[in-house]
Amino acid sequence: MSPDLESLLAAVVANPGDDTARLAYADCLQEHGNEPRAAFIRLQVEAERLHPYSNARAALEARAQALFKRHWVEWWGEVCAAVGLPTGGPPGYRAAGGAALVPRRSPGDGALPRDQCPITFRRGFPEAVSVPALAAGPGPCGSYLARWAAVSPLTELVAVGAAREPRYQWPEGEHLRTVRRLQIRQHSVDTLRAARDSPHLGALEHLTLHASWAIQPAVVAGSLAFEVAAAHAPRLRHLSAPIRPNRVAEMFARAEPFAALESLDLELFSPPWYESDQAEPLRTFVESRHVSGVRRLAFHMLDNSDDLAPLLQSRAWGRLRALDIDFGNARNRFGVLRRGNDLTGLKELRLAGVYLTAEAVRDLAAAPLLKRVKHFALFGAYENGRALLPLVDAVDPDRIETFAIGVSHFPERAANALRAKFGDRVRFLES
């Protein structure tokens, strides 16, 4: 690598949030004859600035993905050579969607699906790493991450702690100082404690803690998750965590350090053997003065849409700008959305796991809340294609900027009606 490229790469690694350094690096790559990589960086940087559901972003991402599919072997080979991994090409990895690589074989003992272990290029660089994806090498995964700065920033880490393979357990070290996003999945007690006690996560802003049924009882798993979040709370801007049973919800909702959060994802799912009322932990959060200032709120695996009533009718949540609800494919009516509500500042609404009956579609079409949003996304399945036509009246055509539909086999007649009314603002996605 030439000295000017080395200098610019060092600037990217030192300040991952600065697009100017990335674009300067792309310009230098082009001057040295590497036009495909330069174009790839520019496309990903430009796409990142647009709304995730805009057609303009989809077009840029498609162009970037096409370049990635043609050149990933070369680009990933450079990474492997720099960090010490033994293979960079098809023998160990394959290209996936979203400019990502996944192992060709399930890592370790085979308990982890390979598609859940990606290495993802973001804004031109492989800066999002799932630890098990590095298991192709003979050494501990942390040893490769320690050299990652030679080729890319390391800003996002997925740690999987329940697997038995010691090579890719928690990768403590100086390389964690640049990690801004951490996701802990299928975690063990040891992984949670290591993340809680790490002295190197000073840049952490985005923390995702998935529920782990390997840790029983559920309140123990929730308590450990709370300890991890609380240890890094003063810096966190986004938190995603399981909140069942209600004792766990109370821990998070009553913790004053979480008052600085801007985004909050709440996982409500419980295994079949654990019975509890979802409405109780929801009420606990809605009534909390410490978290009501968040701008984005998400609920995952919500069984009953009526449980949203306390939130929709609470003036304390007036700062909320984005609401994301996953119903887990439960049959729901949406009469609760037809009532008056106090979320006057809401700009974005995403509904997933929705089963669109004729009644549900009528409720959505008549919901005042939908008329206020600028971005609306709907994912799920439908009962009767003809019943979907009222969706054209669900949002205000003078306000809406993106209208995303993620419904398999969406009927052409309803799709054409949406295109006729909203033009390029409507986007059909794979559900």
Protein backbone atom coordinates (compact mmCIF):
# COMPACT_ATOMS: atom_id res chain seq x y z
CA MET A 1 0.00 0.00 0.00
CA SER A 2 1.33 3.43 -0.94
CA PRO A 3 2.19 5.95 1.82
CA ASP A 4 -0.70 8.26 0.87
CA LEU A 5 -3.19 5.38 1.04
CA GLU A 6 -1.76 4.30 4.39
CA SER A 7 -2.13 7.82 5.74
CA LEU A 8 -5.74 8.12 4.58
CA LEU A 9 -6.63 4.66 5.91
CA ALA A 10 -5.21 5.65 9.28
CA ALA A 11 -7.48 8.70 9.23
CA VAL A 12 -10.53 6.50 8.53
CA VAL A 13 -9.60 4.14 11.38
CA ALA A 14 -8.95 7.03 13.77
CA ASN A 15 -12.29 8.71 13.05
CA PRO A 16 -14.79 6.12 11.74
CA GLY A 17 -17.68 8.60 11.75
CA ASP A 18 -16.01 11.00 9.29
CA ASP A 19 -17.22 10.38 5.74
CA THR A 20 -14.77 12.97 4.42
CA ALA A 21 -11.83 10.68 5.22
CA ARG A 22 -13.54 7.72 3.55
CA LEU A 23 -14.27 9.68 0.38
CA ALA A 24 -10.70 11.00 0.29
CA TYR A 25 -9.50 7.40 0.58
CA ALA A 26 -11.81 6.46 -2.30
CA ASP A 27 -10.38 9.27 -4.44
CA CYS A 28 -6.86 8.05 -3.72
CA LEU A 29 -7.81 4.47 -4.59
CA GLN A 30 -9.12 5.67 -7.94
CA GLU A 31 -5.91 7.58 -8.60
CA HIS A 32 -4.03 4.33 -8.00
CA GLY A 33 -6.24 2.44 -10.47
CA ASN A 34 -8.60 0.70 -8.04
CA GLU A 35 -11.81 2.16 -9.45
CA PRO A 36 -14.18 -0.67 -8.32
CA ARG A 37 -13.28 -0.31 -4.62
CA ALA A 38 -13.46 3.48 -4.88
CA ALA A 39 -16.92 3.31 -6.42
CA PHE A 40 -18.04 0.78 -3.79
CA ILE A 41 -17.02 3.10 -0.94
CA ARG A 42 -18.78 6.09 -2.50
CA LEU A 43 -21.98 4.13 -3.14
CA GLN A 44 -22.18 2.80 0.42
CA VAL A 45 -21.45 6.20 1.94
CA GLU A 46 -24.14 7.86 -0.19
CA ALA A 47 -26.69 5.10 0.53
CA GLU A 48 -26.15 5.40 4.29
CA ARG A 49 -27.33 9.01 4.20
CA LEU A 50 -30.78 8.07 2.85
CA HIS A 51 -33.79 6.57 4.60
CA PRO A 52 -33.52 2.75 4.81
CA TYR A 53 -36.80 2.25 2.90
CA SER A 54 -36.24 4.77 0.09
CA ASN A 55 -36.01 3.49 -3.46
CA ALA A 56 -33.03 5.77 -4.06
CA ARG A 57 -31.12 3.98 -1.32
CA ALA A 58 -32.15 0.59 -2.68
CA ALA A 59 -30.74 1.51 -6.10
CA LEU A 60 -27.41 2.59 -4.58
CA GLU A 61 -27.22 -0.56 -2.46
CA ALA A 62 -27.94 -2.73 -5.50
CA ARG A 63 -25.04 -1.15 -7.38
CA ALA A 64 -22.76 -1.59 -4.39
CA GLN A 65 -23.82 -5.22 -4.00
CA ALA A 66 -23.08 -5.90 -7.67
CA LEU A 67 -19.54 -4.57 -7.22
CA PHE A 68 -19.16 -6.55 -4.02
CA LYS A 69 -20.14 -9.83 -5.67
CA ARG A 70 -17.55 -9.28 -8.42
CA HIS A 71 -14.66 -8.20 -6.22
CA TRP A 72 -15.19 -9.54 -2.68
CA VAL A 73 -12.60 -12.30 -3.05
CA GLU A 74 -9.90 -9.75 -3.78
CA TRP A 75 -11.02 -7.31 -1.07
CA TRP A 76 -11.47 -9.94 1.61
CA GLY A 77 -8.14 -11.52 0.65
CA GLU A 78 -6.42 -8.24 1.50
CA VAL A 79 -8.10 -8.29 4.92
CA CYS A 80 -7.06 -11.87 5.60
CA ALA A 81 -3.46 -11.19 4.60
CA ALA A 82 -3.29 -8.20 6.94
CA VAL A 83 -4.88 -9.80 10.02
CA GLY A 84 -3.47 -13.32 9.66
CA LEU A 85 -6.51 -15.31 8.58
CA PRO A 86 -5.53 -18.29 6.41
CA THR A 87 -8.10 -17.96 3.66
CA GLY A 88 -9.79 -15.07 1.95
CA GLY A 89 -11.87 -16.63 -0.75
CA PRO A 90 -14.50 -19.22 -1.58
CA PRO A 91 -12.93 -22.11 0.38
CA GLY A 92 -13.86 -20.49 3.68
CA TYR A 93 -16.52 -17.87 2.93
CA ARG A 94 -19.29 -16.94 0.55
CA ALA A 95 -20.89 -13.62 -0.34
CA ALA A 96 -24.29 -12.78 1.13
CA GLY A 97 -26.73 -9.92 0.68
CA GLY A 98 -26.04 -6.53 2.19
CA ALA A 99 -22.34 -6.61 1.25
CA ALA A 100 -21.64 -9.30 3.83
CA LEU A 101 -19.60 -12.49 4.04
CA VAL A 102 -20.60 -15.61 5.94
CA PRO A 103 -18.66 -18.81 6.67
CA ARG A 104 -19.32 -21.68 4.30
CA ARG A 105 -19.65 -24.00 7.26
CA SER A 106 -21.34 -23.40 10.60
CA PRO A 107 -18.67 -22.23 13.04
CA GLY A 108 -17.46 -24.31 15.94
CA ASP A 109 -19.74 -27.11 17.08
CA GLY A 110 -22.36 -26.37 14.39
CA ALA A 111 -24.84 -24.88 16.86
CA LEU A 112 -24.65 -21.47 15.16
CA PRO A 113 -26.32 -20.93 11.77
CA ARG A 114 -23.67 -19.50 9.46
CA ASP A 115 -26.00 -16.74 8.23
CA GLN A 116 -26.06 -15.40 11.80
CA CYS A 117 -22.28 -14.94 11.74
CA PRO A 118 -21.60 -12.26 9.09
CA ILE A 119 -18.76 -9.88 8.42
CA THR A 120 -20.38 -6.80 6.90
CA PHE A 121 -18.92 -3.96 4.88
CA ARG A 122 -20.36 -0.63 6.03
CA ARG A 123 -19.57 2.61 4.22
CA GLY A 124 -16.91 0.75 2.26
CA PHE A 125 -15.06 -1.16 5.00
CA PRO A 126 -15.50 -4.51 6.84
CA GLU A 127 -16.13 -2.81 10.16
CA ALA A 128 -19.01 -4.98 11.45
CA VAL A 129 -17.67 -8.34 12.61
CA SER A 130 -19.36 -11.37 14.10
CA VAL A 131 -16.74 -13.13 16.20
CA PRO A 132 -17.57 -16.70 15.09
CA ALA A 133 -17.02 -15.71 11.44
CA LEU A 134 -13.28 -15.57 12.21
CA ALA A 135 -13.20 -19.20 13.35
CA ALA A 136 -11.73 -20.16 9.95
CA GLY A 137 -8.37 -19.30 11.50
CA PRO A 138 -6.56 -21.55 13.99
CA GLY A 139 -6.05 -18.88 16.63
CA PRO A 140 -8.40 -17.06 19.02
CA CYS A 141 -10.65 -14.65 17.14
CA GLY A 142 -9.41 -11.81 19.31
CA SER A 143 -5.95 -12.24 17.81
CA TYR A 144 -7.30 -11.29 14.36
CA LEU A 145 -9.34 -8.40 15.71
CA ALA A 146 -6.18 -7.03 17.36
CA ARG A 147 -4.81 -6.44 13.85
CA TRP A 148 -8.06 -5.20 12.29
CA ALA A 149 -6.98 -1.55 12.29
CA ALA A 150 -4.46 -2.40 9.56
CA VAL A 151 -7.33 -2.61 7.05
CA SER A 152 -10.51 -1.18 8.56
CA PRO A 153 -12.17 0.44 11.55
CA LEU A 154 -13.83 -1.99 13.96
CA THR A 155 -17.05 -0.28 14.99
CA GLU A 156 -19.55 -3.13 15.40
CA LEU A 157 -19.13 -6.49 17.12
CA VAL A 158 -21.45 -9.46 17.49
CA ALA A 159 -20.37 -11.68 20.39
CA VAL A 160 -21.82 -15.16 20.72
CA GLY A 161 -21.02 -16.68 24.06
CA ALA A 162 -22.95 -19.90 24.48
CA ALA A 163 -21.00 -21.87 21.87
CA ARG A 164 -18.44 -24.34 23.18
CA GLU A 165 -15.57 -23.35 20.88
CA PRO A 166 -13.07 -21.34 23.00
CA ARG A 167 -11.50 -19.64 19.98
CA TYR A 168 -14.42 -17.27 19.56
CA GLN A 169 -15.51 -16.45 23.03
CA TRP A 170 -15.30 -12.88 24.36
CA PRO A 171 -12.35 -11.15 22.55
CA GLU A 172 -11.07 -8.74 25.20
CA GLY A 173 -8.38 -6.28 24.13
CA GLU A 174 -7.43 -2.79 23.00
CA HIS A 175 -9.20 -3.37 19.67
CA LEU A 176 -12.55 -2.94 21.49
CA ARG A 177 -11.83 0.75 22.10
CA THR A 178 -13.35 1.69 18.71
CA VAL A 179 -16.47 -0.49 19.05
CA ARG A 180 -19.59 1.68 19.02
CA ARG A 181 -22.14 -1.11 18.52
CA LEU A 182 -22.18 -4.36 20.48
CA GLN A 183 -24.62 -7.22 20.08
CA ILE A 184 -24.54 -10.21 22.44
CA ARG A 185 -26.48 -13.21 21.19
CA GLN A 186 -26.97 -16.75 22.58
CA HIS A 187 -24.88 -15.53 25.45
CA SER A 188 -23.47 -17.31 28.44
CA VAL A 189 -22.97 -15.92 31.92
CA ASP A 190 -19.25 -15.59 31.22
CA THR A 191 -19.83 -13.48 28.10
CA LEU A 192 -22.19 -11.12 29.90
CA ARG A 193 -19.78 -10.68 32.78
CA ALA A 194 -16.87 -10.06 30.41
CA ALA A 195 -18.83 -7.38 28.56
CA ARG A 196 -19.91 -5.83 31.86
CA ASP A 197 -16.36 -5.64 33.17
CA SER A 198 -14.51 -4.74 29.96
CA PRO A 199 -12.32 -1.62 30.40
CA HIS A 200 -12.11 -1.13 26.64
CA LEU A 201 -15.71 -0.28 25.67
CA GLY A 202 -15.48 3.43 26.29
CA ALA A 203 -16.84 4.30 22.83
CA LEU A 204 -19.91 2.05 23.11
CA GLU A 205 -23.16 3.80 22.16
CA HIS A 206 -25.41 1.02 20.83
CA LEU A 207 -26.00 -2.15 22.90
CA THR A 208 -28.20 -5.11 21.91
CA LEU A 209 -28.77 -7.92 24.40
CA HIS A 210 -30.82 -10.83 23.09
CA ALA A 211 -32.71 -13.08 25.47
CA SER A 212 -30.84 -16.27 26.32
CA TRP A 213 -32.88 -19.27 27.40
CA ALA A 214 -29.61 -21.04 28.21
CA ILE A 215 -29.57 -18.99 31.42
CA GLN A 216 -32.31 -19.95 33.84
CA PRO A 217 -34.33 -18.67 35.54
CA ALA A 218 -35.32 -15.81 33.24
CA VAL A 219 -34.92 -13.23 35.97
CA VAL A 220 -31.23 -14.22 36.33
CA ALA A 221 -30.64 -13.70 32.60
CA GLY A 222 -32.47 -10.38 32.76
CA SER A 223 -30.53 -9.26 35.82
CA LEU A 224 -27.21 -9.98 34.11
CA ALA A 225 -28.36 -8.12 31.00
CA PHE A 226 -29.28 -5.17 33.20
CA GLU A 227 -25.82 -5.23 34.82
CA VAL A 228 -24.14 -5.06 31.38
CA ALA A 229 -26.35 -2.17 30.26
CA ALA A 230 -25.99 -0.28 33.54
CA ALA A 231 -22.19 -0.56 33.40
CA HIS A 232 -22.16 1.35 30.11
CA ALA A 233 -25.33 3.41 30.59
CA PRO A 234 -23.82 6.89 30.80
CA ARG A 235 -22.58 6.63 27.20
CA LEU A 236 -25.38 4.57 25.65
CA ARG A 237 -27.69 6.16 23.12
CA HIS A 238 -29.46 2.94 22.06
CA LEU A 239 -30.41 -0.08 24.14
CA SER A 240 -32.14 -3.29 23.07
CA ALA A 241 -32.95 -5.72 25.86
CA PRO A 242 -35.41 -8.42 27.02
CA ILE A 243 -37.79 -7.14 29.70
CA ARG A 244 -39.72 -10.19 30.86
CA PRO A 245 -40.58 -10.97 33.61
CA ASN A 246 -41.77 -7.67 35.04
CA ARG A 247 -39.05 -7.68 37.71
CA VAL A 248 -36.55 -7.23 34.89
CA ALA A 249 -38.63 -4.46 33.30
CA GLU A 250 -38.63 -2.62 36.61
CA MET A 251 -34.82 -2.77 36.79
CA PHE A 252 -34.44 -1.04 33.43
CA ALA A 253 -37.35 1.38 33.76
CA ARG A 254 -36.29 2.69 37.18
CA ALA A 255 -32.59 3.16 36.39
CA GLU A 256 -31.84 6.87 36.20
CA PRO A 257 -28.66 6.44 34.05
CA PHE A 258 -30.88 5.32 31.14
CA ALA A 259 -32.47 8.76 30.95
CA ALA A 260 -29.91 9.70 28.26
CA LEU A 261 -31.14 7.02 25.85
CA GLU A 262 -32.38 8.18 22.46
CA SER A 263 -33.54 4.77 21.21
CA LEU A 264 -34.99 1.77 23.04
CA ASP A 265 -35.93 -1.73 21.82
CA LEU A 266 -37.89 -3.95 24.21
CA GLU A 267 -38.08 -7.70 23.65
CA LEU A 268 -41.27 -9.17 25.13
CA PHE A 269 -40.94 -12.77 24.00
CA SER A 270 -40.86 -15.56 26.59
CA PRO A 271 -40.47 -19.32 26.13
CA PRO A 272 -43.68 -21.39 26.30
CA TRP A 273 -42.96 -22.61 29.82
CA TYR A 274 -42.81 -19.06 31.19
CA GLU A 275 -46.18 -17.45 31.61
CA SER A 276 -46.60 -13.77 32.35
CA ASP A 277 -48.71 -10.83 31.31
CA GLN A 278 -47.09 -8.71 28.59
CA ALA A 279 -49.17 -5.70 29.54
CA GLU A 280 -47.46 -5.46 32.93
CA PRO A 281 -43.87 -4.83 31.72
CA LEU A 282 -45.24 -2.54 29.02
CA ARG A 283 -47.02 -0.42 31.60
CA THR A 284 -43.86 -0.36 33.70
CA PHE A 285 -41.95 1.28 30.86
CA VAL A 286 -44.73 3.61 29.74
CA GLU A 287 -45.02 4.98 33.25
CA SER A 288 -41.25 5.42 33.71
CA ARG A 289 -40.07 9.02 33.82
CA HIS A 290 -36.49 7.92 33.12
CA VAL A 291 -37.02 6.54 29.61
CA SER A 292 -40.01 8.53 28.33
CA GLY A 293 -37.69 10.98 26.57
CA VAL A 294 -36.49 8.50 23.93
CA ARG A 295 -36.98 9.43 20.28
CA ARG A 296 -37.32 5.89 18.94
CA LEU A 297 -39.16 3.00 20.63
CA ALA A 298 -39.57 -0.61 19.49
CA PHE A 299 -41.52 -3.56 20.88
CA HIS A 300 -40.73 -7.08 19.68
CA MET A 301 -43.13 -10.03 19.93
CA LEU A 302 -46.12 -8.05 21.17
CA ASP A 303 -49.15 -10.33 21.31
CA ASN A 304 -51.98 -7.86 21.77
CA SER A 305 -52.22 -4.49 20.03
CA ASP A 306 -54.60 -3.24 22.75
CA ASP A 307 -51.63 -3.26 25.15
CA LEU A 308 -50.39 -0.18 23.28
CA ALA A 309 -53.22 1.98 24.63
CA PRO A 310 -51.29 3.38 27.65
CA LEU A 311 -48.44 4.47 25.36
CA LEU A 312 -50.64 6.04 22.71
CA GLN A 313 -52.56 7.99 25.33
CA SER A 314 -49.54 9.18 27.35
CA ARG A 315 -48.49 12.81 26.94
CA ALA A 316 -45.16 11.97 28.60
CA TRP A 317 -44.05 10.30 25.35
CA GLY A 318 -44.58 13.41 23.26
CA ARG A 319 -40.95 13.46 22.12
CA LEU A 320 -41.29 10.08 20.42
CA ARG A 321 -40.45 10.30 16.70
CA ALA A 322 -40.33 6.64 15.62
CA LEU A 323 -42.34 3.62 16.75
CA ASP A 324 -41.56 0.04 15.67
CA ILE A 325 -43.87 -2.83 16.67
CA ASP A 326 -43.40 -6.52 15.84
CA PHE A 327 -46.51 -8.57 16.58
CA GLY A 328 -44.90 -11.94 15.94
CA ASN A 329 -47.56 -12.92 13.37
CA ALA A 330 -50.28 -12.88 16.00
CA ARG A 331 -53.78 -12.08 14.70
CA ASN A 332 -54.58 -8.55 15.78
CA ARG A 333 -57.20 -5.92 15.33
CA PHE A 334 -55.98 -2.34 15.25
CA GLY A 335 -58.93 -0.53 16.72
CA VAL A 336 -56.53 0.94 19.29
CA LEU A 337 -54.97 2.98 16.47
CA ARG A 338 -58.33 4.48 15.53
CA ARG A 339 -58.68 6.20 18.87
CA GLY A 340 -57.23 9.57 19.70
CA ASN A 341 -53.62 9.59 20.82
CA ASP A 342 -50.99 11.95 22.17
CA LEU A 343 -48.02 10.93 20.00
CA THR A 344 -48.26 14.19 18.10
CA GLY A 345 -44.57 14.26 17.16
CA LEU A 346 -44.44 10.78 15.61
CA LYS A 347 -42.83 10.81 12.15
CA GLU A 348 -42.15 7.14 11.52
CA LEU A 349 -44.15 3.94 12.12
CA ARG A 350 -43.18 0.35 11.35
CA LEU A 351 -45.59 -2.56 11.91
CA ALA A 352 -44.25 -6.11 11.47
CA GLY A 353 -45.69 -9.56 12.02
CA VAL A 354 -49.11 -8.25 10.99
CA TYR A 355 -51.86 -10.53 9.67
CA LEU A 356 -53.92 -8.32 7.38
CA THR A 357 -57.55 -9.29 7.66
CA ALA A 358 -60.20 -7.05 6.10
CA GLU A 359 -60.94 -5.61 9.54
CA ALA A 360 -57.26 -4.94 10.29
CA VAL A 361 -56.87 -3.10 6.97
CA ARG A 362 -59.94 -0.96 7.68
CA ASP A 363 -58.52 -0.07 11.09
CA LEU A 364 -55.19 0.97 9.56
CA ALA A 365 -56.90 3.03 6.86
CA ALA A 366 -58.92 4.91 9.50
CA ALA A 367 -56.08 5.43 12.01
CA PRO A 368 -55.31 9.14 12.65
CA LEU A 369 -51.80 8.21 13.76
CA LEU A 370 -50.87 6.97 10.28
CA LYS A 371 -51.97 10.22 8.70
CA ARG A 372 -49.27 12.10 10.62
CA VAL A 373 -46.23 9.96 9.78
CA LYS A 374 -43.70 10.63 7.03
CA HIS A 375 -42.39 7.07 6.90
CA PHE A 376 -44.59 3.97 7.14
CA ALA A 377 -43.56 0.31 6.78
CA LEU A 378 -45.82 -2.74 6.92
CA PHE A 379 -44.61 -6.35 7.10
CA GLY A 380 -46.67 -9.51 7.39
CA ALA A 381 -49.20 -11.62 5.49
CA TYR A 382 -52.75 -11.16 4.27
CA GLU A 383 -56.01 -13.05 4.31
CA ASN A 384 -57.70 -11.72 1.16
CA GLY A 385 -55.99 -9.75 -1.59
CA ARG A 386 -59.08 -7.69 -2.41
CA ALA A 387 -59.25 -6.48 1.18
CA LEU A 388 -55.86 -4.73 0.81
CA LEU A 389 -57.09 -1.93 -1.47
CA PRO A 390 -58.02 0.43 1.43
CA LEU A 391 -54.31 0.64 2.28
CA VAL A 392 -54.08 3.47 -0.28
CA ASP A 393 -55.96 5.61 2.25
CA ALA A 394 -53.82 4.67 5.26
CA VAL A 395 -51.35 7.57 4.98
CA ASP A 396 -51.51 11.20 3.88
CA PRO A 397 -50.13 11.52 0.32
CA ASP A 398 -49.06 15.10 1.06
CA ARG A 399 -46.92 14.02 4.03
CA ILE A 400 -45.64 10.54 3.31
CA GLU A 401 -42.05 10.23 2.08
CA THR A 402 -41.55 6.44 2.15
CA PHE A 403 -44.23 3.72 2.17
CA ALA A 404 -42.65 0.25 2.45
CA ILE A 405 -44.56 -3.01 1.98
CA GLY A 406 -42.98 -6.30 3.05
CA VAL A 407 -45.80 -8.73 2.31
CA SER A 408 -45.14 -11.90 0.33
CA HIS A 409 -47.09 -12.27 -2.93
CA PHE A 410 -48.64 -8.85 -2.54
CA PRO A 411 -51.50 -8.68 -5.10
CA GLU A 412 -50.72 -6.75 -8.27
CA ARG A 413 -53.99 -4.84 -8.21
CA ALA A 414 -53.30 -3.42 -4.73
CA ALA A 415 -49.65 -2.78 -5.66
CA ASN A 416 -50.69 -0.81 -8.75
CA ALA A 417 -53.13 1.26 -6.70
CA LEU A 418 -50.34 2.18 -4.27
CA ARG A 419 -47.94 3.03 -7.12
CA ALA A 420 -50.57 5.20 -8.78
CA LYS A 421 -51.09 7.23 -5.63
CA PHE A 422 -47.57 7.38 -4.18
CA GLY A 423 -45.27 6.83 -7.16
CA ASP A 424 -41.62 6.27 -6.29
CA ARG A 425 -42.31 6.72 -2.59
CA VAL A 426 -43.75 3.20 -2.30
CA ARG A 427 -41.31 0.30 -2.13
CA PHE A 428 -42.06 -3.41 -2.13
CA LEU A 429 -39.62 -5.53 -0.12
CA GLU A 430 -39.16 -9.20 0.54
CA SER A 431 -40.83 -10.01 3.86
